[in-house]
Amino acid sequence: MKAKDFSLPDQSGKIHKLSNYRGKWVVLYFYPKDDTPGCTKEACGFRDAIEEFNKKGVVIVGISKDSVESHKKFSEKYHLNFPILSDVDKKVIQAYGVWGEKKFLGKTFMGTLRNTYLIDPKRNIIKTFEKVNPLTHPQEVLKGI
């Protein structure tokens, strides 16, 4: 299955398109909210493993519905070394099918599902990781490459 192209701003307002990464492997991960416990663990896990991903020629890109300003604070606070993209309109989140029903503390609500896509240099989705564990996910993705 082909990965859908997109055009979204990162934490510094720079526009990123999936097509800009043609010829590279991409880990495209969707997460619910900046600066929450699980999302912070997951982002810091990718940050800490960036050298291992770089050695394999893999680019990390995160996406959530938070604003550019929120991403900027989150990125600076945790010294993130990869782009996190702002999808406030949820267009890309919906295009990838990661807007869905979630349950937390007995309540059901709509939100961003914690899914990740491994995309090859020709923009094919090679592997999908669903309902990931944010504590171990970066290492799980590395093993899958």
N, C-alpha and C. Protein backbone atom coordinates (compact mmCIF):
# COMPACT_ATOMS: atom_id res chain seq x y z
N MET A 1 0.83 -1.18 0.00
CA MET A 1 0.00 0.00 0.00
C MET A 1 0.88 1.25 0.00
N LYS A 2 0.54 2.21 -0.82
CA LYS A 2 1.30 3.46 -0.90
C LYS A 2 0.97 4.36 0.28
N ALA A 3 1.99 4.99 0.83
CA ALA A 3 1.80 5.98 1.89
C ALA A 3 1.28 7.26 1.26
N LYS A 4 0.33 7.88 1.90
CA LYS A 4 -0.27 9.12 1.38
C LYS A 4 0.67 10.29 1.65
N ASP A 5 0.84 11.13 0.64
CA ASP A 5 1.68 12.31 0.80
C ASP A 5 0.95 13.33 1.68
N PHE A 6 1.70 14.24 2.25
CA PHE A 6 1.13 15.28 3.09
C PHE A 6 2.03 16.49 3.06
N SER A 7 1.53 17.59 3.59
CA SER A 7 2.29 18.82 3.71
C SER A 7 1.89 19.45 5.04
N LEU A 8 2.79 19.37 6.03
CA LEU A 8 2.49 19.86 7.38
C LEU A 8 3.68 20.61 7.96
N PRO A 9 3.42 21.59 8.85
CA PRO A 9 4.52 22.31 9.50
C PRO A 9 5.08 21.53 10.69
N ASP A 10 6.39 21.68 10.90
CA ASP A 10 7.02 21.07 12.07
C ASP A 10 7.05 22.06 13.23
N GLN A 11 7.80 21.72 14.27
CA GLN A 11 7.84 22.53 15.49
C GLN A 11 8.44 23.92 15.28
N SER A 12 9.13 24.13 14.16
CA SER A 12 9.67 25.46 13.89
C SER A 12 8.91 26.15 12.74
N GLY A 13 7.82 25.52 12.28
CA GLY A 13 7.02 26.11 11.22
C GLY A 13 7.45 25.70 9.81
N LYS A 14 8.53 24.94 9.69
CA LYS A 14 9.01 24.49 8.38
C LYS A 14 8.06 23.40 7.84
N ILE A 15 7.71 23.53 6.56
CA ILE A 15 6.80 22.57 5.94
C ILE A 15 7.56 21.30 5.53
N HIS A 16 6.96 20.16 5.88
CA HIS A 16 7.50 18.84 5.50
C HIS A 16 6.47 18.13 4.64
N LYS A 17 6.96 17.48 3.59
CA LYS A 17 6.12 16.63 2.75
C LYS A 17 6.74 15.24 2.75
N LEU A 18 5.89 14.23 2.74
CA LEU A 18 6.43 12.87 2.67
C LEU A 18 7.26 12.70 1.40
N SER A 19 6.83 13.34 0.32
CA SER A 19 7.55 13.23 -0.95
C SER A 19 8.98 13.80 -0.85
N ASN A 20 9.24 14.66 0.14
CA ASN A 20 10.61 15.18 0.34
C ASN A 20 11.57 14.08 0.79
N TYR A 21 11.00 13.00 1.33
CA TYR A 21 11.82 11.91 1.86
C TYR A 21 11.94 10.74 0.88
N ARG A 22 11.54 10.96 -0.37
CA ARG A 22 11.65 9.88 -1.36
C ARG A 22 13.10 9.41 -1.42
N GLY A 23 13.27 8.10 -1.49
CA GLY A 23 14.62 7.53 -1.51
C GLY A 23 15.14 7.20 -0.13
N LYS A 24 14.34 7.51 0.91
CA LYS A 24 14.75 7.21 2.29
C LYS A 24 13.67 6.37 2.97
N TRP A 25 14.09 5.61 3.96
CA TRP A 25 13.15 4.91 4.83
C TRP A 25 12.61 5.93 5.83
N VAL A 26 11.32 5.82 6.14
CA VAL A 26 10.67 6.76 7.07
C VAL A 26 9.89 5.98 8.12
N VAL A 27 10.08 6.36 9.38
CA VAL A 27 9.21 5.89 10.45
C VAL A 27 8.26 7.06 10.71
N LEU A 28 7.00 6.88 10.35
CA LEU A 28 5.97 7.90 10.54
C LEU A 28 5.11 7.45 11.71
N TYR A 29 5.28 8.16 12.84
CA TYR A 29 4.51 7.75 14.01
C TYR A 29 3.52 8.82 14.44
N PHE A 30 2.33 8.36 14.76
CA PHE A 30 1.24 9.22 15.21
C PHE A 30 1.10 9.07 16.71
N TYR A 31 0.91 10.19 17.39
CA TYR A 31 0.77 10.14 18.85
C TYR A 31 -0.32 11.11 19.29
N PRO A 32 -0.93 10.84 20.45
CA PRO A 32 -2.09 11.64 20.88
C PRO A 32 -1.82 13.08 21.30
N LYS A 33 -0.82 13.31 22.17
CA LYS A 33 -0.71 14.66 22.75
C LYS A 33 0.69 14.95 23.27
N ASP A 34 1.17 16.15 22.96
CA ASP A 34 2.47 16.60 23.46
C ASP A 34 2.51 16.60 24.98
N ASP A 35 3.68 16.28 25.51
CA ASP A 35 3.99 16.44 26.94
C ASP A 35 3.05 15.68 27.87
N THR A 36 2.57 14.53 27.41
CA THR A 36 1.83 13.61 28.28
C THR A 36 2.77 12.43 28.54
N PRO A 37 2.56 11.68 29.61
CA PRO A 37 3.54 10.65 29.98
C PRO A 37 3.91 9.66 28.88
N GLY A 38 2.92 9.03 28.25
CA GLY A 38 3.22 8.04 27.21
C GLY A 38 3.87 8.66 25.99
N CYS A 39 3.35 9.78 25.55
CA CYS A 39 3.89 10.44 24.35
C CYS A 39 5.30 10.95 24.59
N THR A 40 5.58 11.40 25.79
CA THR A 40 6.93 11.87 26.14
C THR A 40 7.89 10.69 26.13
N LYS A 41 7.49 9.57 26.73
CA LYS A 41 8.37 8.37 26.74
C LYS A 41 8.68 7.92 25.31
N GLU A 42 7.64 7.91 24.47
CA GLU A 42 7.82 7.46 23.09
C GLU A 42 8.76 8.42 22.33
N ALA A 43 8.51 9.72 22.43
CA ALA A 43 9.35 10.70 21.73
C ALA A 43 10.80 10.64 22.21
N CYS A 44 10.99 10.53 23.53
CA CYS A 44 12.35 10.46 24.07
C CYS A 44 13.03 9.15 23.67
N GLY A 45 12.25 8.09 23.52
CA GLY A 45 12.81 6.82 23.04
C GLY A 45 13.33 6.95 21.62
N PHE A 46 12.56 7.62 20.75
CA PHE A 46 13.05 7.85 19.39
C PHE A 46 14.26 8.78 19.41
N ARG A 47 14.20 9.82 20.24
CA ARG A 47 15.34 10.75 20.37
C ARG A 47 16.61 9.98 20.76
N ASP A 48 16.50 9.13 21.77
CA ASP A 48 17.66 8.42 22.28
C ASP A 48 18.21 7.37 21.31
N ALA A 49 17.36 6.90 20.40
CA ALA A 49 17.78 5.87 19.45
C ALA A 49 18.09 6.45 18.06
N ILE A 50 18.13 7.77 17.95
CA ILE A 50 18.26 8.41 16.63
C ILE A 50 19.52 7.96 15.89
N GLU A 51 20.61 7.75 16.61
CA GLU A 51 21.86 7.32 15.95
C GLU A 51 21.69 5.95 15.31
N GLU A 52 20.99 5.04 16.00
CA GLU A 52 20.75 3.70 15.44
C GLU A 52 19.87 3.80 14.19
N PHE A 53 18.86 4.66 14.23
CA PHE A 53 18.02 4.85 13.05
C PHE A 53 18.83 5.48 11.91
N ASN A 54 19.66 6.48 12.24
CA ASN A 54 20.49 7.13 11.22
C ASN A 54 21.42 6.14 10.55
N LYS A 55 22.01 5.23 11.32
CA LYS A 55 22.92 4.22 10.76
C LYS A 55 22.20 3.35 9.75
N LYS A 56 20.91 3.13 9.95
CA LYS A 56 20.11 2.31 9.03
C LYS A 56 19.49 3.16 7.93
N GLY A 57 19.79 4.46 7.92
CA GLY A 57 19.26 5.35 6.90
C GLY A 57 17.77 5.64 7.05
N VAL A 58 17.31 5.67 8.29
CA VAL A 58 15.88 5.86 8.56
C VAL A 58 15.63 7.24 9.17
N VAL A 59 14.61 7.92 8.64
CA VAL A 59 14.18 9.22 9.14
C VAL A 59 12.99 9.01 10.07
N ILE A 60 12.96 9.71 11.20
CA ILE A 60 11.84 9.65 12.15
C ILE A 60 11.00 10.91 11.96
N VAL A 61 9.67 10.74 11.87
CA VAL A 61 8.74 11.86 11.77
C VAL A 61 7.54 11.55 12.66
N GLY A 62 7.24 12.45 13.59
CA GLY A 62 6.07 12.30 14.44
C GLY A 62 4.96 13.24 14.00
N ILE A 63 3.71 12.85 14.23
CA ILE A 63 2.56 13.69 13.89
C ILE A 63 1.53 13.62 15.02
N SER A 64 1.04 14.79 15.43
CA SER A 64 -0.11 14.85 16.33
C SER A 64 -0.96 16.06 15.93
N LYS A 65 -2.12 16.20 16.56
CA LYS A 65 -3.01 17.32 16.23
C LYS A 65 -2.66 18.57 17.03
N ASP A 66 -1.61 18.53 17.83
CA ASP A 66 -1.21 19.72 18.59
C ASP A 66 -0.67 20.80 17.66
N SER A 67 -0.69 22.03 18.15
CA SER A 67 -0.25 23.18 17.36
C SER A 67 1.27 23.23 17.21
N VAL A 68 1.72 24.05 16.27
CA VAL A 68 3.15 24.27 16.07
C VAL A 68 3.76 24.79 17.38
N GLU A 69 3.06 25.71 18.06
CA GLU A 69 3.57 26.28 19.31
C GLU A 69 3.73 25.20 20.39
N SER A 70 2.76 24.32 20.49
CA SER A 70 2.83 23.22 21.46
C SER A 70 4.01 22.30 21.11
N HIS A 71 4.16 21.99 19.82
CA HIS A 71 5.28 21.14 19.38
C HIS A 71 6.62 21.80 19.69
N LYS A 72 6.69 23.11 19.51
CA LYS A 72 7.94 23.83 19.77
C LYS A 72 8.33 23.68 21.25
N LYS A 73 7.38 23.90 22.15
CA LYS A 73 7.65 23.77 23.58
C LYS A 73 8.05 22.34 23.94
N PHE A 74 7.30 21.36 23.41
CA PHE A 74 7.56 19.94 23.67
C PHE A 74 8.95 19.55 23.16
N SER A 75 9.26 19.96 21.95
CA SER A 75 10.54 19.64 21.33
C SER A 75 11.71 20.26 22.10
N GLU A 76 11.55 21.52 22.49
CA GLU A 76 12.63 22.19 23.23
C GLU A 76 12.80 21.59 24.63
N LYS A 77 11.69 21.31 25.30
CA LYS A 77 11.74 20.77 26.66
C LYS A 77 12.50 19.44 26.71
N TYR A 78 12.28 18.58 25.67
CA TYR A 78 12.88 17.25 25.68
C TYR A 78 14.00 17.09 24.65
N HIS A 79 14.44 18.20 24.06
CA HIS A 79 15.56 18.20 23.11
C HIS A 79 15.35 17.17 22.00
N LEU A 80 14.17 17.20 21.40
CA LEU A 80 13.87 16.25 20.33
C LEU A 80 14.71 16.60 19.10
N ASN A 81 15.23 15.57 18.45
CA ASN A 81 16.16 15.75 17.34
C ASN A 81 15.58 15.23 16.02
N PHE A 82 14.26 15.35 15.88
CA PHE A 82 13.57 14.94 14.66
C PHE A 82 12.30 15.81 14.55
N PRO A 83 11.72 15.91 13.35
CA PRO A 83 10.53 16.74 13.19
C PRO A 83 9.28 16.11 13.79
N ILE A 84 8.50 16.95 14.47
CA ILE A 84 7.16 16.56 14.89
C ILE A 84 6.22 17.54 14.20
N LEU A 85 5.26 16.99 13.46
CA LEU A 85 4.42 17.78 12.59
C LEU A 85 3.06 18.05 13.20
N SER A 86 2.55 19.23 12.92
CA SER A 86 1.27 19.68 13.45
C SER A 86 0.16 19.46 12.42
N ASP A 87 -0.84 18.67 12.82
CA ASP A 87 -1.99 18.37 11.96
C ASP A 87 -3.26 18.78 12.69
N VAL A 88 -3.40 20.09 12.95
CA VAL A 88 -4.53 20.60 13.75
C VAL A 88 -5.88 20.29 13.10
N ASP A 89 -5.92 20.20 11.77
CA ASP A 89 -7.19 19.90 11.08
C ASP A 89 -7.46 18.40 11.01
N LYS A 90 -6.51 17.60 11.45
CA LYS A 90 -6.60 16.13 11.47
C LYS A 90 -6.76 15.52 10.07
N LYS A 91 -6.36 16.24 9.03
CA LYS A 91 -6.50 15.71 7.67
C LYS A 91 -5.59 14.51 7.42
N VAL A 92 -4.34 14.60 7.86
CA VAL A 92 -3.41 13.50 7.67
C VAL A 92 -3.74 12.37 8.64
N ILE A 93 -4.08 12.73 9.86
CA ILE A 93 -4.48 11.74 10.87
C ILE A 93 -5.65 10.92 10.34
N GLN A 94 -6.62 11.56 9.74
CA GLN A 94 -7.78 10.84 9.19
C GLN A 94 -7.40 10.06 7.93
N ALA A 95 -6.53 10.63 7.08
CA ALA A 95 -6.12 9.95 5.85
C ALA A 95 -5.40 8.63 6.16
N TYR A 96 -4.68 8.59 7.27
CA TYR A 96 -3.97 7.38 7.67
C TYR A 96 -4.82 6.47 8.57
N GLY A 97 -6.06 6.88 8.83
CA GLY A 97 -6.97 6.05 9.61
C GLY A 97 -6.63 5.93 11.07
N VAL A 98 -5.99 6.96 11.62
CA VAL A 98 -5.58 6.89 13.04
C VAL A 98 -6.42 7.79 13.94
N TRP A 99 -7.56 8.26 13.45
CA TRP A 99 -8.51 8.98 14.30
C TRP A 99 -9.59 7.96 14.62
N GLY A 100 -9.74 7.63 15.89
CA GLY A 100 -10.70 6.60 16.22
C GLY A 100 -11.11 6.60 17.67
N GLU A 101 -11.93 5.62 18.00
CA GLU A 101 -12.46 5.49 19.35
C GLU A 101 -11.38 4.96 20.29
N LYS A 102 -11.29 5.61 21.44
CA LYS A 102 -10.32 5.23 22.47
C LYS A 102 -11.06 5.10 23.80
N LYS A 103 -10.47 4.35 24.70
CA LYS A 103 -11.04 4.21 26.04
C LYS A 103 -9.97 4.52 27.07
N PHE A 104 -10.35 5.28 28.08
CA PHE A 104 -9.43 5.63 29.16
C PHE A 104 -10.24 5.86 30.42
N LEU A 105 -9.85 5.19 31.48
CA LEU A 105 -10.54 5.31 32.77
C LEU A 105 -12.05 5.11 32.64
N GLY A 106 -12.43 4.12 31.83
CA GLY A 106 -13.84 3.79 31.67
C GLY A 106 -14.62 4.70 30.75
N LYS A 107 -13.96 5.71 30.18
CA LYS A 107 -14.66 6.63 29.27
C LYS A 107 -14.25 6.33 27.83
N THR A 108 -15.19 6.49 26.93
CA THR A 108 -14.93 6.31 25.51
C THR A 108 -14.95 7.68 24.84
N PHE A 109 -13.99 7.93 23.97
CA PHE A 109 -13.88 9.22 23.29
C PHE A 109 -13.13 9.03 21.98
N MET A 110 -13.16 10.04 21.13
CA MET A 110 -12.43 10.01 19.86
C MET A 110 -11.07 10.67 20.07
N GLY A 111 -10.05 10.09 19.45
CA GLY A 111 -8.71 10.65 19.58
C GLY A 111 -7.75 10.01 18.59
N THR A 112 -6.51 10.46 18.64
CA THR A 112 -5.46 9.92 17.77
C THR A 112 -4.97 8.60 18.32
N LEU A 113 -5.00 7.59 17.48
CA LEU A 113 -4.51 6.27 17.87
C LEU A 113 -2.98 6.28 17.76
N ARG A 114 -2.35 5.51 18.61
CA ARG A 114 -0.89 5.45 18.64
C ARG A 114 -0.42 4.38 17.64
N ASN A 115 -0.36 4.78 16.36
CA ASN A 115 0.07 3.87 15.30
C ASN A 115 1.32 4.41 14.62
N THR A 116 2.10 3.50 14.05
CA THR A 116 3.33 3.85 13.36
C THR A 116 3.39 3.10 12.04
N TYR A 117 3.94 3.78 11.03
CA TYR A 117 4.08 3.18 9.71
C TYR A 117 5.55 3.21 9.31
N LEU A 118 6.05 2.05 8.87
CA LEU A 118 7.40 1.96 8.32
C LEU A 118 7.23 2.06 6.80
N ILE A 119 7.83 3.11 6.22
CA ILE A 119 7.65 3.43 4.80
C ILE A 119 8.99 3.27 4.08
N ASP A 120 8.97 2.52 2.98
CA ASP A 120 10.22 2.26 2.24
C ASP A 120 10.56 3.45 1.32
N PRO A 121 11.73 3.41 0.68
CA PRO A 121 12.16 4.54 -0.16
C PRO A 121 11.24 4.85 -1.35
N LYS A 122 10.36 3.91 -1.72
CA LYS A 122 9.43 4.14 -2.83
C LYS A 122 8.04 4.52 -2.33
N ARG A 123 7.94 4.86 -1.04
CA ARG A 123 6.70 5.29 -0.38
C ARG A 123 5.68 4.18 -0.19
N ASN A 124 6.14 2.94 -0.12
CA ASN A 124 5.24 1.83 0.22
C ASN A 124 5.25 1.63 1.73
N ILE A 125 4.06 1.39 2.29
CA ILE A 125 3.99 1.06 3.72
C ILE A 125 4.35 -0.42 3.85
N ILE A 126 5.48 -0.67 4.49
CA ILE A 126 6.01 -2.02 4.62
C ILE A 126 5.46 -2.71 5.87
N LYS A 127 5.30 -1.91 6.93
CA LYS A 127 4.84 -2.49 8.19
C LYS A 127 4.02 -1.45 8.95
N THR A 128 2.99 -1.92 9.63
CA THR A 128 2.15 -1.07 10.46
C THR A 128 2.24 -1.59 11.89
N PHE A 129 2.49 -0.68 12.82
CA PHE A 129 2.51 -1.01 14.24
C PHE A 129 1.28 -0.34 14.85
N GLU A 130 0.38 -1.12 15.44
CA GLU A 130 -0.84 -0.57 16.02
C GLU A 130 -0.85 -0.73 17.53
N LYS A 131 -1.50 0.22 18.19
CA LYS A 131 -1.66 0.19 19.66
C LYS A 131 -0.32 -0.13 20.33
N VAL A 132 0.68 0.66 20.00
CA VAL A 132 2.04 0.38 20.46
C VAL A 132 2.22 0.73 21.94
N ASN A 133 3.21 0.10 22.54
CA ASN A 133 3.62 0.42 23.90
C ASN A 133 4.66 1.53 23.80
N PRO A 134 4.36 2.73 24.29
CA PRO A 134 5.30 3.85 24.11
C PRO A 134 6.65 3.63 24.79
N LEU A 135 6.72 2.77 25.78
CA LEU A 135 7.99 2.54 26.47
C LEU A 135 8.96 1.72 25.63
N THR A 136 8.45 0.79 24.85
CA THR A 136 9.32 -0.12 24.10
C THR A 136 9.23 0.06 22.59
N HIS A 137 8.37 0.95 22.15
CA HIS A 137 8.10 1.07 20.72
C HIS A 137 9.32 1.41 19.86
N PRO A 138 10.13 2.40 20.21
CA PRO A 138 11.29 2.70 19.34
C PRO A 138 12.19 1.48 19.11
N GLN A 139 12.43 0.70 20.14
CA GLN A 139 13.26 -0.50 19.98
C GLN A 139 12.55 -1.55 19.14
N GLU A 140 11.24 -1.66 19.30
CA GLU A 140 10.44 -2.60 18.48
C GLU A 140 10.55 -2.22 17.00
N VAL A 141 10.48 -0.94 16.70
CA VAL A 141 10.59 -0.48 15.31
C VAL A 141 11.98 -0.79 14.77
N LEU A 142 13.01 -0.53 15.56
CA LEU A 142 14.39 -0.83 15.11
C LEU A 142 14.55 -2.29 14.75
N LYS A 143 13.96 -3.17 15.53
CA LYS A 143 14.04 -4.61 15.25
C LYS A 143 13.30 -4.95 13.97
N GLY A 144 12.28 -4.18 13.63
CA GLY A 144 11.48 -4.46 12.44
C GLY A 144 12.07 -3.93 11.15
N ILE A 145 13.18 -3.22 11.25
CA ILE A 145 13.80 -2.63 10.04
C ILE A 145 14.84 -3.57 9.49
